[in-house]
Amino acid sequence: MHILFVCTGNTCRSPMAEAYFRYLIKKNDIKDITVSSAGTYAGNGESASPFAIKTLQKYEITLKEHKSSAIGREMIDKADLIIAMTASHRNRIGMICPEKLEKIKLLNEYNAGGDVGDPFGGGQDIYESCFNSMRAALDNLFDTLTNQKEV
């Protein structure tokens, strides 16, 4: 299974989600799940936000090698499950590939519901708060996928 995490610029939320999910996969020795991330309005080749990098360093997870990617049809086709941070991201992906809407979920469907707020422009505390809110949903998503429950 391949999971694609999507936000706007692919420098904050989706890279943190991708890196944390990759950490969970490695920690639990899961071999059949891969992950990537992209942005609905991303430029290609941008580094992750310094605040995002610092946030994940606390968990010994690195984002230093991350380079942003703009979402495209090929990425959408390759993904078995697409996890969007907001309803507007889901809608944008649906405009690119309307036939793929059934495989797009919002991250917070696995937690409290609603959109994951964008930390862009905020300080370290905003990034940490954003990641902490995503982490619960990512843990729930991981549990759902590895326990073979319905996605």
N, C-alpha and C. Protein backbone atom coordinates (compact mmCIF):
# COMPACT_ATOMS: atom_id res chain seq x y z
N MET A 1 0.84 -1.18 0.00
CA MET A 1 0.00 0.00 0.00
C MET A 1 0.88 1.24 0.00
N HIS A 2 0.51 2.21 -0.83
CA HIS A 2 1.23 3.48 -0.85
C HIS A 2 0.30 4.59 -0.39
N ILE A 3 0.77 5.38 0.59
CA ILE A 3 0.00 6.49 1.15
C ILE A 3 0.67 7.80 0.74
N LEU A 4 -0.14 8.73 0.26
CA LEU A 4 0.33 10.05 -0.13
C LEU A 4 -0.30 11.08 0.81
N PHE A 5 0.54 11.83 1.53
CA PHE A 5 0.08 12.91 2.40
C PHE A 5 0.14 14.22 1.62
N VAL A 6 -0.92 15.03 1.73
CA VAL A 6 -1.01 16.25 0.93
C VAL A 6 -1.38 17.45 1.78
N CYS A 7 -0.62 18.55 1.58
CA CYS A 7 -0.98 19.84 2.16
C CYS A 7 -0.83 20.89 1.05
N THR A 8 -0.57 22.12 1.40
CA THR A 8 -0.50 23.18 0.41
C THR A 8 0.89 23.28 -0.23
N GLY A 9 1.89 23.61 0.57
CA GLY A 9 3.22 23.87 0.02
C GLY A 9 4.20 22.72 0.14
N ASN A 10 3.82 21.66 0.85
CA ASN A 10 4.66 20.48 1.06
C ASN A 10 5.97 20.85 1.76
N THR A 11 5.87 21.79 2.71
CA THR A 11 7.04 22.15 3.51
C THR A 11 6.76 22.06 5.01
N CYS A 12 5.50 21.87 5.40
CA CYS A 12 5.15 21.85 6.83
C CYS A 12 4.40 20.57 7.21
N ARG A 13 3.08 20.58 7.00
CA ARG A 13 2.23 19.50 7.49
C ARG A 13 2.48 18.16 6.82
N SER A 14 2.42 18.11 5.51
CA SER A 14 2.56 16.80 4.85
C SER A 14 3.95 16.20 5.01
N PRO A 15 5.04 16.99 5.01
CA PRO A 15 6.34 16.37 5.28
C PRO A 15 6.45 15.84 6.72
N MET A 16 5.86 16.56 7.68
CA MET A 16 5.89 16.05 9.06
C MET A 16 5.09 14.75 9.15
N ALA A 17 3.94 14.71 8.48
CA ALA A 17 3.12 13.50 8.49
C ALA A 17 3.86 12.34 7.82
N GLU A 18 4.45 12.60 6.68
CA GLU A 18 5.21 11.57 5.96
C GLU A 18 6.35 11.03 6.80
N ALA A 19 7.14 11.92 7.38
CA ALA A 19 8.31 11.50 8.15
C ALA A 19 7.89 10.73 9.40
N TYR A 20 6.85 11.19 10.08
CA TYR A 20 6.40 10.49 11.28
C TYR A 20 5.83 9.11 10.91
N PHE A 21 5.07 9.04 9.82
CA PHE A 21 4.51 7.76 9.41
C PHE A 21 5.61 6.80 8.99
N ARG A 22 6.62 7.32 8.32
CA ARG A 22 7.78 6.48 7.95
C ARG A 22 8.47 5.95 9.22
N TYR A 23 8.56 6.79 10.23
CA TYR A 23 9.11 6.38 11.53
C TYR A 23 8.29 5.23 12.13
N LEU A 24 6.95 5.35 12.10
CA LEU A 24 6.09 4.30 12.63
C LEU A 24 6.27 2.99 11.85
N ILE A 25 6.38 3.09 10.55
CA ILE A 25 6.57 1.92 9.69
C ILE A 25 7.88 1.21 10.06
N LYS A 26 8.94 1.99 10.18
CA LYS A 26 10.25 1.40 10.51
C LYS A 26 10.25 0.81 11.92
N LYS A 27 9.73 1.56 12.87
CA LYS A 27 9.70 1.12 14.26
C LYS A 27 8.95 -0.20 14.42
N ASN A 28 7.91 -0.40 13.63
CA ASN A 28 7.08 -1.60 13.73
C ASN A 28 7.42 -2.65 12.68
N ASP A 29 8.50 -2.41 11.93
CA ASP A 29 8.99 -3.35 10.92
C ASP A 29 7.89 -3.76 9.93
N ILE A 30 7.18 -2.77 9.42
CA ILE A 30 6.13 -2.99 8.43
C ILE A 30 6.77 -2.91 7.05
N LYS A 31 6.54 -3.90 6.23
CA LYS A 31 7.19 -3.97 4.92
C LYS A 31 6.28 -3.59 3.75
N ASP A 32 4.97 -3.59 3.97
CA ASP A 32 4.07 -3.42 2.83
C ASP A 32 3.38 -2.05 2.77
N ILE A 33 3.90 -1.07 3.49
CA ILE A 33 3.37 0.30 3.42
C ILE A 33 4.51 1.25 3.08
N THR A 34 4.29 2.07 2.07
CA THR A 34 5.24 3.13 1.72
C THR A 34 4.50 4.46 1.77
N VAL A 35 5.26 5.55 1.91
CA VAL A 35 4.65 6.87 2.02
C VAL A 35 5.41 7.90 1.20
N SER A 36 4.71 8.95 0.84
CA SER A 36 5.31 10.12 0.20
C SER A 36 4.42 11.31 0.54
N SER A 37 4.83 12.49 0.09
CA SER A 37 4.02 13.68 0.33
C SER A 37 4.15 14.64 -0.84
N ALA A 38 3.17 15.53 -0.93
CA ALA A 38 3.14 16.52 -2.01
C ALA A 38 2.27 17.69 -1.57
N GLY A 39 2.31 18.76 -2.36
CA GLY A 39 1.51 19.94 -2.07
C GLY A 39 0.65 20.33 -3.25
N THR A 40 -0.52 20.85 -2.95
CA THR A 40 -1.44 21.27 -4.01
C THR A 40 -0.95 22.53 -4.73
N TYR A 41 -0.17 23.33 -4.04
CA TYR A 41 0.40 24.54 -4.64
C TYR A 41 1.89 24.63 -4.33
N ALA A 42 2.56 23.51 -4.36
CA ALA A 42 3.98 23.45 -3.99
C ALA A 42 4.86 23.75 -5.20
N GLY A 43 6.02 24.33 -4.90
CA GLY A 43 7.09 24.37 -5.87
C GLY A 43 7.89 23.09 -5.68
N ASN A 44 8.63 22.70 -6.66
CA ASN A 44 9.45 21.49 -6.54
C ASN A 44 10.82 21.85 -5.98
N GLY A 45 11.28 21.04 -5.01
CA GLY A 45 12.64 21.17 -4.51
C GLY A 45 12.86 22.06 -3.32
N GLU A 46 11.79 22.55 -2.69
CA GLU A 46 11.93 23.38 -1.50
C GLU A 46 12.21 22.51 -0.27
N SER A 47 13.00 23.02 0.63
CA SER A 47 13.28 22.30 1.88
C SER A 47 12.09 22.41 2.83
N ALA A 48 12.04 21.50 3.78
CA ALA A 48 11.02 21.59 4.83
C ALA A 48 11.27 22.85 5.66
N SER A 49 10.23 23.37 6.26
CA SER A 49 10.34 24.52 7.13
C SER A 49 11.32 24.24 8.27
N PRO A 50 12.16 25.21 8.62
CA PRO A 50 13.06 25.01 9.76
C PRO A 50 12.32 24.65 11.05
N PHE A 51 11.12 25.21 11.24
CA PHE A 51 10.34 24.88 12.43
C PHE A 51 9.83 23.44 12.38
N ALA A 52 9.48 22.96 11.20
CA ALA A 52 9.05 21.56 11.04
C ALA A 52 10.23 20.63 11.33
N ILE A 53 11.39 20.98 10.82
CA ILE A 53 12.60 20.18 11.06
C ILE A 53 12.89 20.10 12.55
N LYS A 54 12.84 21.24 13.22
CA LYS A 54 13.13 21.28 14.66
C LYS A 54 12.09 20.52 15.46
N THR A 55 10.83 20.61 15.06
CA THR A 55 9.76 19.90 15.77
C THR A 55 10.02 18.40 15.77
N LEU A 56 10.37 17.84 14.62
CA LEU A 56 10.56 16.39 14.54
C LEU A 56 11.89 15.92 15.12
N GLN A 57 12.85 16.83 15.24
CA GLN A 57 14.13 16.46 15.86
C GLN A 57 13.92 15.97 17.29
N LYS A 58 12.91 16.49 17.97
CA LYS A 58 12.61 16.06 19.34
C LYS A 58 12.28 14.58 19.41
N TYR A 59 11.84 14.02 18.28
CA TYR A 59 11.48 12.60 18.21
C TYR A 59 12.55 11.79 17.47
N GLU A 60 13.69 12.44 17.23
CA GLU A 60 14.80 11.83 16.49
C GLU A 60 14.36 11.42 15.09
N ILE A 61 13.52 12.25 14.48
CA ILE A 61 13.06 12.06 13.11
C ILE A 61 13.61 13.22 12.29
N THR A 62 14.22 12.91 11.16
CA THR A 62 14.82 13.98 10.37
C THR A 62 13.97 14.36 9.17
N LEU A 63 13.96 15.64 8.89
CA LEU A 63 13.33 16.19 7.70
C LEU A 63 14.35 16.95 6.85
N LYS A 64 15.61 16.86 7.21
CA LYS A 64 16.62 17.66 6.53
C LYS A 64 16.77 17.34 5.05
N GLU A 65 16.46 16.11 4.65
CA GLU A 65 16.60 15.71 3.25
C GLU A 65 15.34 15.98 2.43
N HIS A 66 14.26 16.39 3.07
CA HIS A 66 12.99 16.58 2.37
C HIS A 66 13.10 17.67 1.30
N LYS A 67 12.50 17.38 0.14
CA LYS A 67 12.35 18.36 -0.94
C LYS A 67 10.89 18.32 -1.38
N SER A 68 10.29 19.48 -1.48
CA SER A 68 8.86 19.56 -1.81
C SER A 68 8.58 19.07 -3.24
N SER A 69 7.35 18.62 -3.40
CA SER A 69 6.87 18.15 -4.71
C SER A 69 5.45 18.67 -4.94
N ALA A 70 5.19 19.10 -6.16
CA ALA A 70 3.84 19.50 -6.54
C ALA A 70 3.06 18.25 -6.92
N ILE A 71 1.84 18.17 -6.43
CA ILE A 71 1.02 16.99 -6.73
C ILE A 71 0.64 16.96 -8.21
N GLY A 72 0.58 15.77 -8.75
CA GLY A 72 0.18 15.59 -10.13
C GLY A 72 -0.55 14.27 -10.30
N ARG A 73 -1.09 14.08 -11.47
CA ARG A 73 -1.89 12.89 -11.77
C ARG A 73 -1.13 11.59 -11.50
N GLU A 74 0.15 11.54 -11.85
CA GLU A 74 0.93 10.32 -11.65
C GLU A 74 1.01 9.94 -10.17
N MET A 75 1.24 10.94 -9.31
CA MET A 75 1.29 10.68 -7.86
C MET A 75 -0.06 10.19 -7.35
N ILE A 76 -1.11 10.80 -7.83
CA ILE A 76 -2.46 10.43 -7.41
C ILE A 76 -2.76 8.99 -7.84
N ASP A 77 -2.41 8.66 -9.07
CA ASP A 77 -2.64 7.30 -9.58
C ASP A 77 -1.85 6.26 -8.80
N LYS A 78 -0.62 6.60 -8.40
CA LYS A 78 0.25 5.65 -7.69
C LYS A 78 -0.25 5.36 -6.27
N ALA A 79 -0.91 6.33 -5.66
CA ALA A 79 -1.33 6.20 -4.25
C ALA A 79 -2.55 5.28 -4.12
N ASP A 80 -2.52 4.45 -3.10
CA ASP A 80 -3.68 3.63 -2.75
C ASP A 80 -4.59 4.40 -1.80
N LEU A 81 -4.00 5.30 -1.04
CA LEU A 81 -4.73 6.12 -0.08
C LEU A 81 -4.08 7.49 -0.07
N ILE A 82 -4.90 8.53 -0.18
CA ILE A 82 -4.41 9.90 -0.14
C ILE A 82 -4.98 10.54 1.12
N ILE A 83 -4.09 11.10 1.93
CA ILE A 83 -4.49 11.75 3.18
C ILE A 83 -4.26 13.25 3.04
N ALA A 84 -5.36 13.99 2.95
CA ALA A 84 -5.31 15.44 2.81
C ALA A 84 -5.44 16.10 4.17
N MET A 85 -4.80 17.26 4.31
CA MET A 85 -4.86 17.99 5.58
C MET A 85 -6.15 18.79 5.73
N THR A 86 -6.74 19.22 4.62
CA THR A 86 -7.96 20.03 4.69
C THR A 86 -8.93 19.62 3.58
N ALA A 87 -10.17 20.03 3.75
CA ALA A 87 -11.18 19.78 2.73
C ALA A 87 -10.81 20.46 1.41
N SER A 88 -10.19 21.63 1.48
CA SER A 88 -9.80 22.31 0.24
C SER A 88 -8.71 21.54 -0.50
N HIS A 89 -7.83 20.86 0.23
CA HIS A 89 -6.83 20.01 -0.44
C HIS A 89 -7.53 18.84 -1.13
N ARG A 90 -8.48 18.25 -0.42
CA ARG A 90 -9.23 17.13 -1.01
C ARG A 90 -9.95 17.59 -2.28
N ASN A 91 -10.56 18.75 -2.23
CA ASN A 91 -11.26 19.28 -3.40
C ASN A 91 -10.32 19.56 -4.56
N ARG A 92 -9.14 20.08 -4.26
CA ARG A 92 -8.15 20.37 -5.31
C ARG A 92 -7.69 19.08 -5.99
N ILE A 93 -7.43 18.05 -5.18
CA ILE A 93 -7.03 16.76 -5.75
C ILE A 93 -8.17 16.21 -6.61
N GLY A 94 -9.40 16.37 -6.14
CA GLY A 94 -10.56 15.93 -6.89
C GLY A 94 -10.73 16.66 -8.21
N MET A 95 -10.28 17.90 -8.28
CA MET A 95 -10.33 18.63 -9.55
C MET A 95 -9.32 18.05 -10.55
N ILE A 96 -8.19 17.57 -10.04
CA ILE A 96 -7.18 16.97 -10.91
C ILE A 96 -7.64 15.59 -11.39
N CYS A 97 -8.17 14.79 -10.47
CA CYS A 97 -8.60 13.42 -10.77
C CYS A 97 -9.93 13.14 -10.08
N PRO A 98 -11.04 13.60 -10.65
CA PRO A 98 -12.33 13.41 -9.98
C PRO A 98 -12.67 11.93 -9.76
N GLU A 99 -12.15 11.07 -10.60
CA GLU A 99 -12.44 9.64 -10.47
C GLU A 99 -11.73 8.99 -9.27
N LYS A 100 -10.84 9.74 -8.61
CA LYS A 100 -10.08 9.19 -7.47
C LYS A 100 -10.58 9.69 -6.12
N LEU A 101 -11.67 10.42 -6.09
CA LEU A 101 -12.16 11.00 -4.83
C LEU A 101 -12.38 9.96 -3.74
N GLU A 102 -12.76 8.74 -4.12
CA GLU A 102 -13.05 7.72 -3.10
C GLU A 102 -11.83 7.30 -2.31
N LYS A 103 -10.63 7.54 -2.83
CA LYS A 103 -9.44 7.14 -2.08
C LYS A 103 -8.78 8.31 -1.34
N ILE A 104 -9.48 9.44 -1.23
CA ILE A 104 -8.96 10.61 -0.52
C ILE A 104 -9.69 10.76 0.81
N LYS A 105 -8.93 10.78 1.89
CA LYS A 105 -9.48 10.97 3.23
C LYS A 105 -8.83 12.21 3.85
N LEU A 106 -9.51 12.81 4.79
CA LEU A 106 -8.92 13.88 5.59
C LEU A 106 -8.20 13.24 6.77
N LEU A 107 -7.02 13.75 7.12
CA LEU A 107 -6.26 13.18 8.22
C LEU A 107 -7.09 13.13 9.49
N ASN A 108 -7.80 14.20 9.77
CA ASN A 108 -8.55 14.24 11.03
C ASN A 108 -9.81 13.39 11.04
N GLU A 109 -10.09 12.66 9.95
CA GLU A 109 -11.13 11.63 10.00
C GLU A 109 -10.68 10.53 10.96
N TYR A 110 -9.39 10.48 11.24
CA TYR A 110 -8.83 9.47 12.14
C TYR A 110 -8.63 10.03 13.55
N ASN A 111 -9.24 11.18 13.83
CA ASN A 111 -9.12 11.79 15.16
C ASN A 111 -10.37 12.62 15.44
N ALA A 112 -10.20 13.90 15.62
CA ALA A 112 -11.28 14.77 16.09
C ALA A 112 -12.16 15.32 14.97
N GLY A 113 -11.78 15.10 13.72
CA GLY A 113 -12.53 15.66 12.61
C GLY A 113 -12.06 17.07 12.29
N GLY A 114 -12.44 17.56 11.14
CA GLY A 114 -12.08 18.90 10.72
C GLY A 114 -10.73 18.96 10.02
N ASP A 115 -10.31 20.16 9.73
CA ASP A 115 -9.06 20.41 9.02
C ASP A 115 -7.88 20.48 9.99
N VAL A 116 -6.70 20.18 9.47
CA VAL A 116 -5.45 20.40 10.20
C VAL A 116 -4.99 21.80 9.86
N GLY A 117 -4.91 22.67 10.86
CA GLY A 117 -4.52 24.06 10.64
C GLY A 117 -3.10 24.18 10.10
N ASP A 118 -2.89 25.19 9.28
CA ASP A 118 -1.58 25.42 8.66
C ASP A 118 -0.69 26.22 9.60
N PRO A 119 0.47 25.66 9.99
CA PRO A 119 1.36 26.38 10.89
C PRO A 119 2.21 27.43 10.18
N PHE A 120 2.19 27.46 8.84
CA PHE A 120 3.04 28.36 8.08
C PHE A 120 2.89 29.79 8.58
N GLY A 121 4.01 30.43 8.85
CA GLY A 121 4.02 31.80 9.34
C GLY A 121 4.02 31.89 10.86
N GLY A 122 3.79 30.77 11.52
CA GLY A 122 3.81 30.74 12.98
C GLY A 122 5.19 30.40 13.51
N GLY A 123 5.32 30.44 14.81
CA GLY A 123 6.59 30.12 15.46
C GLY A 123 6.68 28.64 15.83
N GLN A 124 7.73 28.32 16.55
CA GLN A 124 8.00 26.93 16.93
C GLN A 124 6.83 26.32 17.70
N ASP A 125 6.22 27.08 18.59
CA ASP A 125 5.11 26.55 19.38
C ASP A 125 3.91 26.18 18.50
N ILE A 126 3.68 26.93 17.44
CA ILE A 126 2.56 26.64 16.52
C ILE A 126 2.84 25.34 15.76
N TYR A 127 4.08 25.15 15.33
CA TYR A 127 4.46 23.92 14.62
C TYR A 127 4.34 22.71 15.54
N GLU A 128 4.77 22.86 16.76
CA GLU A 128 4.69 21.75 17.71
C GLU A 128 3.23 21.40 18.01
N SER A 129 2.40 22.40 18.17
CA SER A 129 0.98 22.17 18.40
C SER A 129 0.34 21.48 17.19
N CYS A 130 0.69 21.93 16.00
CA CYS A 130 0.18 21.32 14.78
C CYS A 130 0.59 19.85 14.72
N PHE A 131 1.88 19.58 14.95
CA PHE A 131 2.35 18.19 14.89
C PHE A 131 1.67 17.33 15.94
N ASN A 132 1.52 17.85 17.15
CA ASN A 132 0.88 17.07 18.21
C ASN A 132 -0.56 16.73 17.86
N SER A 133 -1.26 17.64 17.21
CA SER A 133 -2.64 17.35 16.80
C SER A 133 -2.65 16.32 15.68
N MET A 134 -1.68 16.38 14.78
CA MET A 134 -1.61 15.40 13.69
C MET A 134 -1.18 14.03 14.21
N ARG A 135 -0.33 14.01 15.19
CA ARG A 135 0.25 12.75 15.67
C ARG A 135 -0.82 11.77 16.13
N ALA A 136 -1.82 12.24 16.84
CA ALA A 136 -2.90 11.35 17.30
C ALA A 136 -3.62 10.74 16.09
N ALA A 137 -3.92 11.55 15.10
CA ALA A 137 -4.59 11.04 13.90
C ALA A 137 -3.70 10.08 13.13
N LEU A 138 -2.41 10.39 13.05
CA LEU A 138 -1.47 9.50 12.35
C LEU A 138 -1.34 8.16 13.08
N ASP A 139 -1.30 8.20 14.40
CA ASP A 139 -1.26 6.96 15.18
C ASP A 139 -2.51 6.12 14.93
N ASN A 140 -3.67 6.78 14.91
CA ASN A 140 -4.92 6.07 14.65
C ASN A 140 -4.96 5.50 13.24
N LEU A 141 -4.50 6.27 12.27
CA LEU A 141 -4.42 5.78 10.89
C LEU A 141 -3.51 4.57 10.81
N PHE A 142 -2.35 4.65 11.44
CA PHE A 142 -1.41 3.53 11.44
C PHE A 142 -2.05 2.29 12.04
N ASP A 143 -2.70 2.46 13.19
CA ASP A 143 -3.38 1.34 13.84
C ASP A 143 -4.45 0.74 12.94
N THR A 144 -5.21 1.60 12.27
CA THR A 144 -6.25 1.13 11.37
C THR A 144 -5.66 0.30 10.24
N LEU A 145 -4.60 0.79 9.64
CA LEU A 145 -4.00 0.10 8.50
C LEU A 145 -3.31 -1.20 8.90
N THR A 146 -2.64 -1.20 10.03
CA THR A 146 -1.88 -2.39 10.42
C THR A 146 -2.75 -3.43 11.11
N ASN A 147 -3.94 -3.04 11.53
CA ASN A 147 -4.87 -4.01 12.11
C ASN A 147 -5.92 -4.46 11.09
N GLN A 148 -5.70 -4.04 9.83
CA GLN A 148 -6.56 -4.44 8.71
C GLN A 148 -8.02 -4.04 8.90
N LYS A 149 -8.24 -2.92 9.57
CA LYS A 149 -9.60 -2.41 9.69
C LYS A 149 -9.92 -1.65 8.40
N GLU A 150 -11.19 -1.34 8.21
CA GLU A 150 -11.59 -0.61 7.01
C GLU A 150 -11.01 0.80 7.05
N VAL A 151 -10.40 1.21 5.94
CA VAL A 151 -9.85 2.55 5.81
C VAL A 151 -10.96 3.43 5.35
